[in-house]
Amino acid sequence: MSGEPGGLRELKKRRTRTALLHSALELFTTQGFEATTIDQIAEPVEVSQRTFFRYFASKEEVAFAVPDTVESHFFDAFRARPPAEPPMTALRRAMRATWETFGESVEGVSPALHMRMYQLIESTPALLAVLMCRSAAMEERLAEEIARREGLDLDADPRPRVLVAAFTGVMRATGRIWGAGGDTSAASLRRITEEHLDRLGPALVTAWDRPEPGAGAAGAT
């Protein structure tokens, strides 16, 4: 029998997918999402448009390939947390587990390129609309999973949705802060996110009659 072994074929497929992903993200972030064509994405990889569609259904799909992978791993990590853990603890530990799994890159995409793509999504109306829909769907999945873990009726008890809204709100805010900063490392994103999550509880229950320690006079009224 002739032909490549299955393992080699799969390796080549992964390499082609990664190359197409890199080509697309580099083009999106340098010349814009709308201005980039599928032919332009395929050309540096030396494949046809038809081959591109074997890996991605559309430009939109490739634009969200990295967030898709991160969200999938995060949700799986959350579902795997011990049932006895409080929901916020489980969310935070699932988030840490996701970072540890991916290290400094996701699907071979560096944090710097991921940051540039995140900024592009936020500034491109068509992609931002998709991001909002995706975020709403993910929030509902998380709320449903929390309700299942805690034995709650999601329609009768608003706590799962309230908790998820607070958690994901912090994640979006820290993502923007990270994207606007000079340090594009995954460690920087972890640090910023942990710092803000640590302040979530106090921000909700503590009186704001004075600046936080170390804030100086900037927060004074």
N, C-alpha and C. Protein backbone atom coordinates (compact mmCIF):
# COMPACT_ATOMS: atom_id res chain seq x y z
N MET A 1 0.84 -1.19 0.00
CA MET A 1 0.00 0.00 0.00
C MET A 1 0.88 1.25 0.00
N SER A 2 0.42 2.30 -0.66
CA SER A 2 1.18 3.53 -0.74
C SER A 2 0.45 4.62 0.04
N GLY A 3 1.09 5.75 0.12
CA GLY A 3 0.47 6.87 0.81
C GLY A 3 1.17 7.15 2.13
N GLU A 4 0.88 8.30 2.68
CA GLU A 4 1.53 8.72 3.91
C GLU A 4 0.89 8.02 5.11
N PRO A 5 1.67 7.71 6.14
CA PRO A 5 1.09 7.19 7.38
C PRO A 5 0.12 8.20 7.98
N GLY A 6 -0.87 7.66 8.70
CA GLY A 6 -1.89 8.54 9.28
C GLY A 6 -1.32 9.62 10.16
N GLY A 7 -0.29 9.29 10.97
CA GLY A 7 0.30 10.28 11.86
C GLY A 7 0.93 11.43 11.11
N LEU A 8 1.60 11.13 9.98
CA LEU A 8 2.23 12.18 9.19
C LEU A 8 1.17 13.06 8.53
N ARG A 9 0.09 12.44 8.05
CA ARG A 9 -0.99 13.24 7.45
C ARG A 9 -1.58 14.21 8.46
N GLU A 10 -1.81 13.73 9.68
CA GLU A 10 -2.38 14.59 10.71
C GLU A 10 -1.44 15.72 11.07
N LEU A 11 -0.13 15.42 11.12
CA LEU A 11 0.86 16.46 11.41
C LEU A 11 0.84 17.54 10.34
N LYS A 12 0.77 17.10 9.07
CA LYS A 12 0.72 18.08 7.98
C LYS A 12 -0.55 18.93 8.04
N LYS A 13 -1.66 18.29 8.41
CA LYS A 13 -2.92 19.04 8.54
C LYS A 13 -2.81 20.10 9.63
N ARG A 14 -2.24 19.71 10.77
CA ARG A 14 -2.09 20.67 11.87
C ARG A 14 -1.19 21.82 11.47
N ARG A 15 -0.10 21.49 10.75
CA ARG A 15 0.81 22.55 10.32
C ARG A 15 0.14 23.49 9.33
N THR A 16 -0.65 22.92 8.41
CA THR A 16 -1.34 23.77 7.43
C THR A 16 -2.36 24.65 8.13
N ARG A 17 -3.10 24.10 9.07
CA ARG A 17 -4.08 24.90 9.81
C ARG A 17 -3.41 26.02 10.58
N THR A 18 -2.31 25.70 11.25
CA THR A 18 -1.59 26.72 12.01
C THR A 18 -1.05 27.80 11.09
N ALA A 19 -0.53 27.41 9.94
CA ALA A 19 0.01 28.38 8.98
C ALA A 19 -1.10 29.29 8.45
N LEU A 20 -2.25 28.73 8.15
CA LEU A 20 -3.38 29.54 7.69
C LEU A 20 -3.85 30.49 8.79
N LEU A 21 -3.88 30.00 10.01
CA LEU A 21 -4.30 30.84 11.13
C LEU A 21 -3.35 32.02 11.30
N HIS A 22 -2.04 31.74 11.30
CA HIS A 22 -1.06 32.81 11.43
C HIS A 22 -1.17 33.81 10.28
N SER A 23 -1.29 33.30 9.06
CA SER A 23 -1.40 34.17 7.90
C SER A 23 -2.60 35.09 8.03
N ALA A 24 -3.73 34.51 8.43
CA ALA A 24 -4.95 35.30 8.55
C ALA A 24 -4.82 36.37 9.62
N LEU A 25 -4.35 36.00 10.81
CA LEU A 25 -4.26 36.97 11.91
C LEU A 25 -3.27 38.08 11.60
N GLU A 26 -2.16 37.74 10.97
CA GLU A 26 -1.19 38.77 10.60
C GLU A 26 -1.80 39.75 9.59
N LEU A 27 -2.51 39.22 8.60
CA LEU A 27 -3.15 40.09 7.60
C LEU A 27 -4.27 40.91 8.22
N PHE A 28 -5.10 40.28 9.04
CA PHE A 28 -6.19 41.01 9.69
C PHE A 28 -5.65 42.20 10.49
N THR A 29 -4.57 41.96 11.23
CA THR A 29 -4.07 42.99 12.14
C THR A 29 -3.19 44.03 11.46
N THR A 30 -2.80 43.78 10.22
CA THR A 30 -1.99 44.78 9.50
C THR A 30 -2.80 45.56 8.47
N GLN A 31 -3.75 44.90 7.80
CA GLN A 31 -4.50 45.61 6.77
C GLN A 31 -6.01 45.64 7.01
N GLY A 32 -6.47 45.01 8.11
CA GLY A 32 -7.89 45.05 8.44
C GLY A 32 -8.64 43.79 8.06
N PHE A 33 -9.68 43.50 8.80
CA PHE A 33 -10.46 42.28 8.57
C PHE A 33 -11.19 42.33 7.24
N GLU A 34 -11.90 43.42 7.00
CA GLU A 34 -12.71 43.52 5.78
C GLU A 34 -11.84 43.55 4.53
N ALA A 35 -10.67 44.15 4.62
CA ALA A 35 -9.81 44.30 3.45
C ALA A 35 -9.07 43.01 3.08
N THR A 36 -9.06 42.06 3.97
CA THR A 36 -8.32 40.82 3.74
C THR A 36 -9.20 39.80 3.02
N THR A 37 -8.66 39.21 1.97
CA THR A 37 -9.39 38.19 1.22
C THR A 37 -8.87 36.80 1.58
N ILE A 38 -9.66 35.80 1.30
CA ILE A 38 -9.24 34.42 1.57
C ILE A 38 -8.07 34.04 0.68
N ASP A 39 -8.05 34.53 -0.55
CA ASP A 39 -6.91 34.26 -1.43
C ASP A 39 -5.61 34.81 -0.83
N GLN A 40 -5.69 36.00 -0.22
CA GLN A 40 -4.50 36.58 0.40
C GLN A 40 -4.03 35.73 1.58
N ILE A 41 -4.97 35.18 2.32
CA ILE A 41 -4.61 34.33 3.46
C ILE A 41 -3.93 33.05 2.96
N ALA A 42 -4.47 32.48 1.91
CA ALA A 42 -3.97 31.19 1.41
C ALA A 42 -2.63 31.31 0.69
N GLU A 43 -2.38 32.46 0.06
CA GLU A 43 -1.19 32.59 -0.79
C GLU A 43 0.12 32.32 -0.06
N PRO A 44 0.40 32.92 1.13
CA PRO A 44 1.69 32.64 1.79
C PRO A 44 1.85 31.18 2.21
N VAL A 45 0.74 30.48 2.38
CA VAL A 45 0.79 29.08 2.79
C VAL A 45 0.92 28.16 1.59
N GLU A 46 0.77 28.74 0.40
CA GLU A 46 0.87 28.02 -0.87
C GLU A 46 -0.20 26.93 -0.98
N VAL A 47 -1.44 27.34 -0.61
CA VAL A 47 -2.58 26.44 -0.79
C VAL A 47 -3.67 27.22 -1.52
N SER A 48 -4.67 26.50 -1.96
CA SER A 48 -5.77 27.11 -2.69
C SER A 48 -6.86 27.60 -1.74
N GLN A 49 -7.76 28.42 -2.29
CA GLN A 49 -8.92 28.84 -1.52
C GLN A 49 -9.74 27.63 -1.08
N ARG A 50 -9.82 26.65 -1.94
CA ARG A 50 -10.56 25.42 -1.61
C ARG A 50 -9.95 24.73 -0.40
N THR A 51 -8.62 24.72 -0.32
CA THR A 51 -7.97 24.12 0.84
C THR A 51 -8.26 24.91 2.10
N PHE A 52 -8.28 26.25 2.00
CA PHE A 52 -8.62 27.07 3.16
C PHE A 52 -9.95 26.62 3.75
N PHE A 53 -10.95 26.39 2.89
CA PHE A 53 -12.28 26.04 3.38
C PHE A 53 -12.35 24.62 3.95
N ARG A 54 -11.32 23.85 3.78
CA ARG A 54 -11.27 22.55 4.46
C ARG A 54 -10.98 22.73 5.94
N TYR A 55 -10.37 23.87 6.29
CA TYR A 55 -9.98 24.11 7.67
C TYR A 55 -10.87 25.13 8.38
N PHE A 56 -11.35 26.10 7.65
CA PHE A 56 -12.17 27.16 8.22
C PHE A 56 -13.35 27.44 7.31
N ALA A 57 -14.52 27.62 7.91
CA ALA A 57 -15.73 27.85 7.12
C ALA A 57 -15.80 29.27 6.58
N SER A 58 -15.08 30.20 7.21
CA SER A 58 -15.18 31.61 6.82
C SER A 58 -14.03 32.39 7.45
N LYS A 59 -13.88 33.66 7.03
CA LYS A 59 -12.91 34.53 7.67
C LYS A 59 -13.26 34.73 9.14
N GLU A 60 -14.55 34.84 9.42
CA GLU A 60 -14.99 35.03 10.80
C GLU A 60 -14.54 33.88 11.69
N GLU A 61 -14.65 32.66 11.17
CA GLU A 61 -14.25 31.50 11.97
C GLU A 61 -12.77 31.54 12.30
N VAL A 62 -11.94 31.90 11.33
CA VAL A 62 -10.51 31.95 11.61
C VAL A 62 -10.18 33.11 12.55
N ALA A 63 -10.93 34.19 12.47
CA ALA A 63 -10.70 35.33 13.36
C ALA A 63 -10.94 34.96 14.82
N PHE A 64 -11.88 34.04 15.05
CA PHE A 64 -12.22 33.65 16.42
C PHE A 64 -11.67 32.27 16.79
N ALA A 65 -10.73 31.76 16.01
CA ALA A 65 -10.21 30.42 16.27
C ALA A 65 -9.53 30.33 17.64
N VAL A 66 -8.72 31.32 17.99
CA VAL A 66 -8.01 31.28 19.27
C VAL A 66 -8.99 31.45 20.43
N PRO A 67 -9.88 32.46 20.41
CA PRO A 67 -10.88 32.54 21.48
C PRO A 67 -11.72 31.28 21.62
N ASP A 68 -12.05 30.64 20.50
CA ASP A 68 -12.81 29.38 20.55
C ASP A 68 -12.06 28.33 21.36
N THR A 69 -10.77 28.19 21.07
CA THR A 69 -9.96 27.18 21.76
C THR A 69 -9.84 27.49 23.24
N VAL A 70 -9.59 28.75 23.57
CA VAL A 70 -9.45 29.16 24.97
C VAL A 70 -10.76 28.91 25.72
N GLU A 71 -11.89 29.33 25.13
CA GLU A 71 -13.18 29.17 25.80
C GLU A 71 -13.53 27.70 26.01
N SER A 72 -13.23 26.88 25.02
CA SER A 72 -13.52 25.46 25.13
C SER A 72 -12.74 24.82 26.28
N HIS A 73 -11.45 25.15 26.36
CA HIS A 73 -10.62 24.59 27.43
C HIS A 73 -11.04 25.14 28.79
N PHE A 74 -11.40 26.41 28.84
CA PHE A 74 -11.85 26.99 30.11
C PHE A 74 -13.13 26.32 30.59
N PHE A 75 -14.09 26.13 29.69
CA PHE A 75 -15.35 25.52 30.09
C PHE A 75 -15.13 24.09 30.56
N ASP A 76 -14.30 23.35 29.85
CA ASP A 76 -14.00 21.98 30.26
C ASP A 76 -13.31 21.96 31.63
N ALA A 77 -12.39 22.91 31.85
CA ALA A 77 -11.71 22.99 33.14
C ALA A 77 -12.69 23.33 34.25
N PHE A 78 -13.65 24.20 33.96
CA PHE A 78 -14.64 24.56 34.97
C PHE A 78 -15.52 23.37 35.32
N ARG A 79 -15.96 22.65 34.32
CA ARG A 79 -16.80 21.48 34.57
C ARG A 79 -16.07 20.41 35.37
N ALA A 80 -14.75 20.39 35.27
CA ALA A 80 -13.96 19.37 35.97
C ALA A 80 -13.65 19.75 37.41
N ARG A 81 -13.98 20.98 37.85
CA ARG A 81 -13.69 21.39 39.21
C ARG A 81 -14.52 20.58 40.20
N PRO A 82 -13.98 20.32 41.41
CA PRO A 82 -14.72 19.55 42.41
C PRO A 82 -16.06 20.20 42.76
N PRO A 83 -17.12 19.43 42.89
CA PRO A 83 -18.45 19.98 43.16
C PRO A 83 -18.52 20.81 44.43
N ALA A 84 -17.67 20.53 45.42
CA ALA A 84 -17.73 21.23 46.70
C ALA A 84 -17.15 22.64 46.63
N GLU A 85 -16.41 22.96 45.58
CA GLU A 85 -15.82 24.30 45.48
C GLU A 85 -16.91 25.35 45.28
N PRO A 86 -16.83 26.49 45.98
CA PRO A 86 -17.75 27.59 45.69
C PRO A 86 -17.61 28.01 44.23
N PRO A 87 -18.68 28.49 43.62
CA PRO A 87 -18.64 28.80 42.19
C PRO A 87 -17.52 29.77 41.79
N MET A 88 -17.31 30.85 42.54
CA MET A 88 -16.27 31.79 42.15
C MET A 88 -14.89 31.16 42.26
N THR A 89 -14.67 30.35 43.29
CA THR A 89 -13.40 29.64 43.41
C THR A 89 -13.19 28.72 42.22
N ALA A 90 -14.23 28.01 41.83
CA ALA A 90 -14.12 27.10 40.69
C ALA A 90 -13.83 27.87 39.40
N LEU A 91 -14.46 29.02 39.21
CA LEU A 91 -14.21 29.83 38.02
C LEU A 91 -12.76 30.30 37.97
N ARG A 92 -12.26 30.79 39.10
CA ARG A 92 -10.89 31.30 39.13
C ARG A 92 -9.87 30.18 38.92
N ARG A 93 -10.11 29.04 39.53
CA ARG A 93 -9.15 27.94 39.37
C ARG A 93 -9.22 27.35 37.97
N ALA A 94 -10.38 27.36 37.37
CA ALA A 94 -10.49 26.91 35.97
C ALA A 94 -9.74 27.87 35.05
N MET A 95 -9.83 29.15 35.36
CA MET A 95 -9.11 30.15 34.58
C MET A 95 -7.60 29.93 34.69
N ARG A 96 -7.12 29.69 35.92
CA ARG A 96 -5.69 29.44 36.11
C ARG A 96 -5.25 28.18 35.37
N ALA A 97 -6.07 27.14 35.46
CA ALA A 97 -5.74 25.88 34.78
C ALA A 97 -5.64 26.09 33.27
N THR A 98 -6.50 26.93 32.73
CA THR A 98 -6.46 27.21 31.29
C THR A 98 -5.16 27.91 30.93
N TRP A 99 -4.76 28.90 31.72
CA TRP A 99 -3.50 29.60 31.46
C TRP A 99 -2.32 28.64 31.53
N GLU A 100 -2.32 27.79 32.55
CA GLU A 100 -1.20 26.85 32.72
C GLU A 100 -1.12 25.86 31.56
N THR A 101 -2.27 25.48 31.02
CA THR A 101 -2.29 24.54 29.91
C THR A 101 -1.67 25.15 28.66
N PHE A 102 -1.99 26.40 28.41
CA PHE A 102 -1.56 27.03 27.17
C PHE A 102 -0.20 27.71 27.27
N GLY A 103 0.23 28.04 28.46
CA GLY A 103 1.52 28.70 28.61
C GLY A 103 1.55 30.03 27.89
N GLU A 104 2.54 30.19 27.03
CA GLU A 104 2.75 31.47 26.37
C GLU A 104 2.12 31.56 24.98
N SER A 105 1.44 30.52 24.51
CA SER A 105 0.83 30.58 23.19
C SER A 105 -0.40 29.69 23.13
N VAL A 106 -1.29 30.00 22.20
CA VAL A 106 -2.49 29.21 21.95
C VAL A 106 -2.51 28.90 20.46
N GLU A 107 -2.53 27.62 20.13
CA GLU A 107 -2.48 27.20 18.72
C GLU A 107 -1.28 27.82 18.01
N GLY A 108 -0.18 28.00 18.75
CA GLY A 108 1.01 28.59 18.16
C GLY A 108 0.94 30.09 17.99
N VAL A 109 -0.14 30.73 18.48
CA VAL A 109 -0.29 32.18 18.37
C VAL A 109 0.27 32.83 19.63
N SER A 110 1.23 33.73 19.47
CA SER A 110 1.85 34.38 20.61
C SER A 110 0.88 35.33 21.30
N PRO A 111 1.10 35.62 22.60
CA PRO A 111 0.26 36.61 23.27
C PRO A 111 0.23 37.95 22.56
N ALA A 112 1.36 38.36 21.97
CA ALA A 112 1.41 39.65 21.28
C ALA A 112 0.45 39.69 20.09
N LEU A 113 0.45 38.62 19.29
CA LEU A 113 -0.46 38.57 18.15
C LEU A 113 -1.90 38.43 18.62
N HIS A 114 -2.11 37.65 19.66
CA HIS A 114 -3.45 37.52 20.22
C HIS A 114 -3.96 38.87 20.71
N MET A 115 -3.10 39.66 21.35
CA MET A 115 -3.48 40.98 21.83
C MET A 115 -3.87 41.89 20.67
N ARG A 116 -3.06 41.86 19.60
CA ARG A 116 -3.37 42.70 18.44
C ARG A 116 -4.71 42.29 17.82
N MET A 117 -4.97 40.99 17.79
CA MET A 117 -6.24 40.52 17.24
C MET A 117 -7.40 40.92 18.13
N TYR A 118 -7.20 40.85 19.43
CA TYR A 118 -8.24 41.27 20.39
C TYR A 118 -8.58 42.74 20.17
N GLN A 119 -7.56 43.57 19.99
CA GLN A 119 -7.79 44.99 19.74
C GLN A 119 -8.54 45.20 18.43
N LEU A 120 -8.20 44.42 17.42
CA LEU A 120 -8.90 44.53 16.13
C LEU A 120 -10.37 44.16 16.27
N ILE A 121 -10.66 43.08 16.98
CA ILE A 121 -12.05 42.66 17.18
C ILE A 121 -12.84 43.76 17.87
N GLU A 122 -12.24 44.36 18.89
CA GLU A 122 -12.92 45.42 19.64
C GLU A 122 -13.18 46.66 18.79
N SER A 123 -12.36 46.87 17.76
CA SER A 123 -12.49 48.08 16.94
C SER A 123 -13.15 47.84 15.59
N THR A 124 -13.57 46.60 15.33
CA THR A 124 -14.23 46.27 14.06
C THR A 124 -15.70 45.95 14.34
N PRO A 125 -16.63 46.81 13.92
CA PRO A 125 -18.05 46.63 14.30
C PRO A 125 -18.59 45.23 13.99
N ALA A 126 -18.27 44.69 12.82
CA ALA A 126 -18.81 43.37 12.46
C ALA A 126 -18.30 42.30 13.41
N LEU A 127 -17.01 42.37 13.77
CA LEU A 127 -16.44 41.38 14.68
C LEU A 127 -16.89 41.62 16.11
N LEU A 128 -17.03 42.88 16.50
CA LEU A 128 -17.48 43.18 17.86
C LEU A 128 -18.89 42.67 18.10
N ALA A 129 -19.74 42.78 17.09
CA ALA A 129 -21.11 42.26 17.21
C ALA A 129 -21.10 40.75 17.42
N VAL A 130 -20.23 40.07 16.68
CA VAL A 130 -20.10 38.61 16.85
C VAL A 130 -19.58 38.30 18.25
N LEU A 131 -18.60 39.08 18.71
CA LEU A 131 -18.02 38.86 20.05
C LEU A 131 -19.09 38.99 21.12
N MET A 132 -19.96 39.99 21.00
CA MET A 132 -21.00 40.18 22.00
C MET A 132 -21.97 39.00 22.02
N CYS A 133 -22.33 38.50 20.85
CA CYS A 133 -23.22 37.33 20.78
C CYS A 133 -22.55 36.10 21.38
N ARG A 134 -21.28 35.91 21.07
CA ARG A 134 -20.53 34.77 21.59
C ARG A 134 -20.42 34.86 23.11
N SER A 135 -20.15 36.08 23.61
CA SER A 135 -20.00 36.27 25.05
C SER A 135 -21.30 35.97 25.78
N ALA A 136 -22.41 36.42 25.21
CA ALA A 136 -23.71 36.16 25.84
C ALA A 136 -23.99 34.66 25.89
N ALA A 137 -23.66 33.96 24.82
CA ALA A 137 -23.90 32.52 24.79
C ALA A 137 -23.02 31.79 25.81
N MET A 138 -21.75 32.22 25.92
CA MET A 138 -20.84 31.60 26.89
C MET A 138 -21.30 31.88 28.31
N GLU A 139 -21.74 33.08 28.58
CA GLU A 139 -22.22 33.42 29.91
C GLU A 139 -23.42 32.56 30.30
N GLU A 140 -24.30 32.32 29.36
CA GLU A 140 -25.45 31.47 29.66
C GLU A 140 -25.03 30.03 29.93
N ARG A 141 -24.07 29.53 29.16
CA ARG A 141 -23.57 28.17 29.41
C ARG A 141 -22.96 28.06 30.80
N LEU A 142 -22.19 29.07 31.20
CA LEU A 142 -21.58 29.05 32.52
C LEU A 142 -22.65 29.12 33.61
N ALA A 143 -23.65 29.98 33.43
CA ALA A 143 -24.71 30.10 34.42
C ALA A 143 -25.47 28.78 34.55
N GLU A 144 -25.73 28.13 33.42
CA GLU A 144 -26.41 26.84 33.45
C GLU A 144 -25.57 25.79 34.19
N GLU A 145 -24.25 25.82 33.97
CA GLU A 145 -23.38 24.86 34.62
C GLU A 145 -23.31 25.12 36.13
N ILE A 146 -23.26 26.38 36.53
CA ILE A 146 -23.27 26.70 37.96
C ILE A 146 -24.57 26.24 38.60
N ALA A 147 -25.68 26.49 37.93
CA ALA A 147 -26.98 26.05 38.46
C ALA A 147 -27.02 24.54 38.60
N ARG A 148 -26.46 23.83 37.63
CA ARG A 148 -26.43 22.37 37.71
C ARG A 148 -25.58 21.91 38.89
N ARG A 149 -24.38 22.53 39.02
CA ARG A 149 -23.48 22.16 40.12
C ARG A 149 -24.12 22.40 41.48
N GLU A 150 -24.85 23.49 41.60
CA GLU A 150 -25.40 23.89 42.89
C GLU A 150 -26.83 23.37 43.12
N GLY A 151 -27.37 22.66 42.13
CA GLY A 151 -28.73 22.14 42.28
C GLY A 151 -29.78 23.22 42.32
N LEU A 152 -29.61 24.25 41.48
CA LEU A 152 -30.53 25.39 41.48
C LEU A 152 -31.38 25.41 40.21
N ASP A 153 -32.52 26.07 40.31
CA ASP A 153 -33.36 26.34 39.15
C ASP A 153 -32.95 27.69 38.61
N LEU A 154 -32.32 27.71 37.45
CA LEU A 154 -31.76 28.95 36.91
C LEU A 154 -32.84 29.99 36.66
N ASP A 155 -34.06 29.57 36.33
CA ASP A 155 -35.13 30.53 36.07
C ASP A 155 -35.67 31.15 37.36
N ALA A 156 -35.47 30.44 38.49
CA ALA A 156 -36.00 30.94 39.76
C ALA A 156 -34.94 31.63 40.61
N ASP A 157 -33.69 31.29 40.41
CA ASP A 157 -32.59 31.82 41.24
C ASP A 157 -31.63 32.60 40.35
N PRO A 158 -31.52 33.92 40.53
CA PRO A 158 -30.68 34.73 39.64
C PRO A 158 -29.19 34.68 39.96
N ARG A 159 -28.80 34.05 41.06
CA ARG A 159 -27.40 34.12 41.49
C ARG A 159 -26.40 33.61 40.45
N PRO A 160 -26.65 32.48 39.77
CA PRO A 160 -25.66 32.05 38.77
C PRO A 160 -25.41 33.09 37.69
N ARG A 161 -26.47 33.72 37.18
CA ARG A 161 -26.29 34.72 36.13
C ARG A 161 -25.60 35.97 36.68
N VAL A 162 -25.93 36.36 37.91
CA VAL A 162 -25.29 37.53 38.52
C VAL A 162 -23.79 37.29 38.70
N LEU A 163 -23.44 36.12 39.20
CA LEU A 163 -22.02 35.79 39.41
C LEU A 163 -21.26 35.76 38.10
N VAL A 164 -21.85 35.12 37.09
CA VAL A 164 -21.18 35.03 35.79
C VAL A 164 -21.02 36.41 35.17
N ALA A 165 -22.04 37.27 35.32
CA ALA A 165 -21.95 38.62 34.77
C ALA A 165 -20.80 39.38 35.42
N ALA A 166 -20.64 39.23 36.73
CA ALA A 166 -19.55 39.92 37.43
C ALA A 166 -18.20 39.37 36.99
N PHE A 167 -18.08 38.06 36.92
CA PHE A 167 -16.81 37.43 36.55
C PHE A 167 -16.41 37.80 35.13
N THR A 168 -17.31 37.63 34.19
CA THR A 168 -16.97 37.91 32.80
C THR A 168 -16.78 39.40 32.56
N GLY A 169 -17.47 40.23 33.34
CA GLY A 169 -17.25 41.67 33.23
C GLY A 169 -15.83 42.04 33.61
N VAL A 170 -15.32 41.45 34.69
CA VAL A 170 -13.93 41.68 35.09
C VAL A 170 -12.98 41.17 34.00
N MET A 171 -13.28 40.00 33.43
CA MET A 171 -12.42 39.44 32.40
C MET A 171 -12.35 40.37 31.18
N ARG A 172 -13.48 40.93 30.77
CA ARG A 172 -13.47 41.84 29.62
C ARG A 172 -12.69 43.11 29.94
N ALA A 173 -12.90 43.64 31.15
CA ALA A 173 -12.20 44.88 31.53
C ALA A 173 -10.70 44.67 31.58
N THR A 174 -10.27 43.56 32.17
CA THR A 174 -8.83 43.31 32.27
C THR A 174 -8.22 43.01 30.91
N GLY A 175 -8.99 42.39 30.02
CA GLY A 175 -8.51 42.17 28.67
C GLY A 175 -8.21 43.48 27.96
N ARG A 176 -9.09 44.47 28.15
CA ARG A 176 -8.86 45.78 27.53
C ARG A 176 -7.64 46.48 28.15
N ILE A 177 -7.50 46.37 29.49
CA ILE A 177 -6.35 46.99 30.16
C ILE A 177 -5.06 46.34 29.67
N TRP A 178 -5.06 45.02 29.59
CA TRP A 178 -3.88 44.29 29.09
C TRP A 178 -3.55 44.71 27.67
N GLY A 179 -4.58 44.82 26.84
CA GLY A 179 -4.37 45.18 25.44
C GLY A 179 -3.82 46.58 25.26
N ALA A 180 -4.13 47.46 26.21
CA ALA A 180 -3.66 48.84 26.11
C ALA A 180 -2.28 49.04 26.72
N GLY A 181 -1.76 48.02 27.41
CA GLY A 181 -0.47 48.14 28.07
C GLY A 181 0.68 47.75 27.18
N GLY A 182 1.87 47.86 27.72
CA GLY A 182 3.06 47.54 26.94
C GLY A 182 3.54 46.11 27.09
N ASP A 183 3.09 45.43 28.15
CA ASP A 183 3.52 44.05 28.41
C ASP A 183 2.50 43.09 27.83
N THR A 184 2.86 42.37 26.77
CA THR A 184 1.91 41.49 26.09
C THR A 184 2.04 40.03 26.53
N SER A 185 2.76 39.78 27.62
CA SER A 185 2.96 38.41 28.05
C SER A 185 1.72 37.83 28.71
N ALA A 186 1.63 36.50 28.68
CA ALA A 186 0.53 35.83 29.36
C ALA A 186 0.62 36.06 30.86
N ALA A 187 1.85 36.17 31.39
CA ALA A 187 2.02 36.43 32.83
C ALA A 187 1.42 37.77 33.21
N SER A 188 1.56 38.76 32.34
CA SER A 188 0.98 40.08 32.61
C SER A 188 -0.54 40.00 32.66
N LEU A 189 -1.13 39.27 31.72
CA LEU A 189 -2.59 39.12 31.72
C LEU A 189 -3.05 38.42 32.99
N ARG A 190 -2.34 37.38 33.41
CA ARG A 190 -2.70 36.68 34.65
C ARG A 190 -2.65 37.62 35.84
N ARG A 191 -1.58 38.40 35.93
CA ARG A 191 -1.42 39.31 37.07
C ARG A 191 -2.53 40.35 37.12
N ILE A 192 -2.81 40.98 35.99
CA ILE A 192 -3.85 42.01 35.95
C ILE A 192 -5.21 41.42 36.32
N THR A 193 -5.51 40.25 35.76
CA THR A 193 -6.80 39.63 36.02
C THR A 193 -6.96 39.25 37.49
N GLU A 194 -5.92 38.65 38.07
CA GLU A 194 -5.98 38.25 39.48
C GLU A 194 -6.16 39.48 40.38
N GLU A 195 -5.44 40.54 40.07
CA GLU A 195 -5.56 41.76 40.88
C GLU A 195 -6.98 42.31 40.85
N HIS A 196 -7.60 42.31 39.70
CA HIS A 196 -8.96 42.85 39.59
C HIS A 196 -9.99 41.91 40.23
N LEU A 197 -9.82 40.61 40.06
CA LEU A 197 -10.75 39.68 40.70
C LEU A 197 -10.64 39.77 42.22
N ASP A 198 -9.43 40.01 42.73
CA ASP A 198 -9.25 40.17 44.17
C ASP A 198 -10.05 41.36 44.71
N ARG A 199 -10.27 42.36 43.87
CA ARG A 199 -10.98 43.57 44.29
C ARG A 199 -12.48 43.50 44.07
N LEU A 200 -12.95 42.43 43.44
CA LEU A 200 -14.37 42.34 43.13
C LEU A 200 -15.22 42.31 44.40
N GLY A 201 -14.88 41.41 45.32
CA GLY A 201 -15.66 41.33 46.56
C GLY A 201 -15.67 42.62 47.34
N PRO A 202 -14.48 43.19 47.67
CA PRO A 202 -14.47 44.46 48.40
C PRO A 202 -15.21 45.58 47.68
N ALA A 203 -15.14 45.61 46.35
CA ALA A 203 -15.83 46.67 45.60
C ALA A 203 -17.34 46.58 45.78
N LEU A 204 -17.84 45.37 46.01
CA LEU A 204 -19.28 45.18 46.14
C LEU A 204 -19.79 45.44 47.56
N VAL A 205 -18.95 45.19 48.57
CA VAL A 205 -19.47 45.22 49.95
C VAL A 205 -18.81 46.28 50.83
N THR A 206 -17.74 46.91 50.38
CA THR A 206 -17.02 47.87 51.21
C THR A 206 -17.38 49.30 50.82
N ALA A 207 -17.55 50.15 51.83
CA ALA A 207 -17.85 51.56 51.56
C ALA A 207 -16.69 52.22 50.83
N TRP A 208 -17.01 53.08 49.90
CA TRP A 208 -15.99 53.75 49.08
C TRP A 208 -15.77 55.18 49.58
N ASP A 209 -15.54 55.35 50.87
CA ASP A 209 -15.42 56.69 51.43
C ASP A 209 -13.98 57.19 51.45
N ARG A 210 -13.04 56.39 50.95
CA ARG A 210 -11.65 56.79 50.92
C ARG A 210 -10.93 55.99 49.85
N PRO A 211 -9.81 56.51 49.35
CA PRO A 211 -9.07 55.78 48.33
C PRO A 211 -8.49 54.49 48.89
N GLU A 212 -8.31 53.51 48.02
CA GLU A 212 -7.71 52.25 48.42
C GLU A 212 -6.26 52.49 48.83
N PRO A 213 -5.73 51.72 49.82
CA PRO A 213 -4.33 51.89 50.22
C PRO A 213 -3.39 51.85 49.02
N GLY A 214 -2.52 52.83 48.96
CA GLY A 214 -1.56 52.88 47.85
C GLY A 214 -2.06 53.65 46.65
N ALA A 215 -3.34 54.09 46.69
CA ALA A 215 -3.89 54.80 45.54
C ALA A 215 -3.48 56.25 45.52
N GLY A 216 -2.97 56.79 46.66
CA GLY A 216 -2.55 58.18 46.71
C GLY A 216 -3.76 59.09 46.69
N ALA A 217 -3.54 60.30 46.21
CA ALA A 217 -4.61 61.31 46.23
C ALA A 217 -5.48 61.26 45.01
N ALA A 218 -5.15 60.39 44.05
CA ALA A 218 -5.87 60.41 42.77
C ALA A 218 -7.33 60.06 42.96
N GLY A 219 -7.64 59.20 43.93
CA GLY A 219 -9.03 58.81 44.09
C GLY A 219 -9.79 59.66 45.06
N ALA A 220 -9.17 60.69 45.64
CA ALA A 220 -9.84 61.51 46.63
C ALA A 220 -10.88 62.38 46.00
N THR A 221 -11.94 62.69 46.79
CA THR A 221 -12.99 63.58 46.29
C THR A 221 -12.94 64.91 47.02
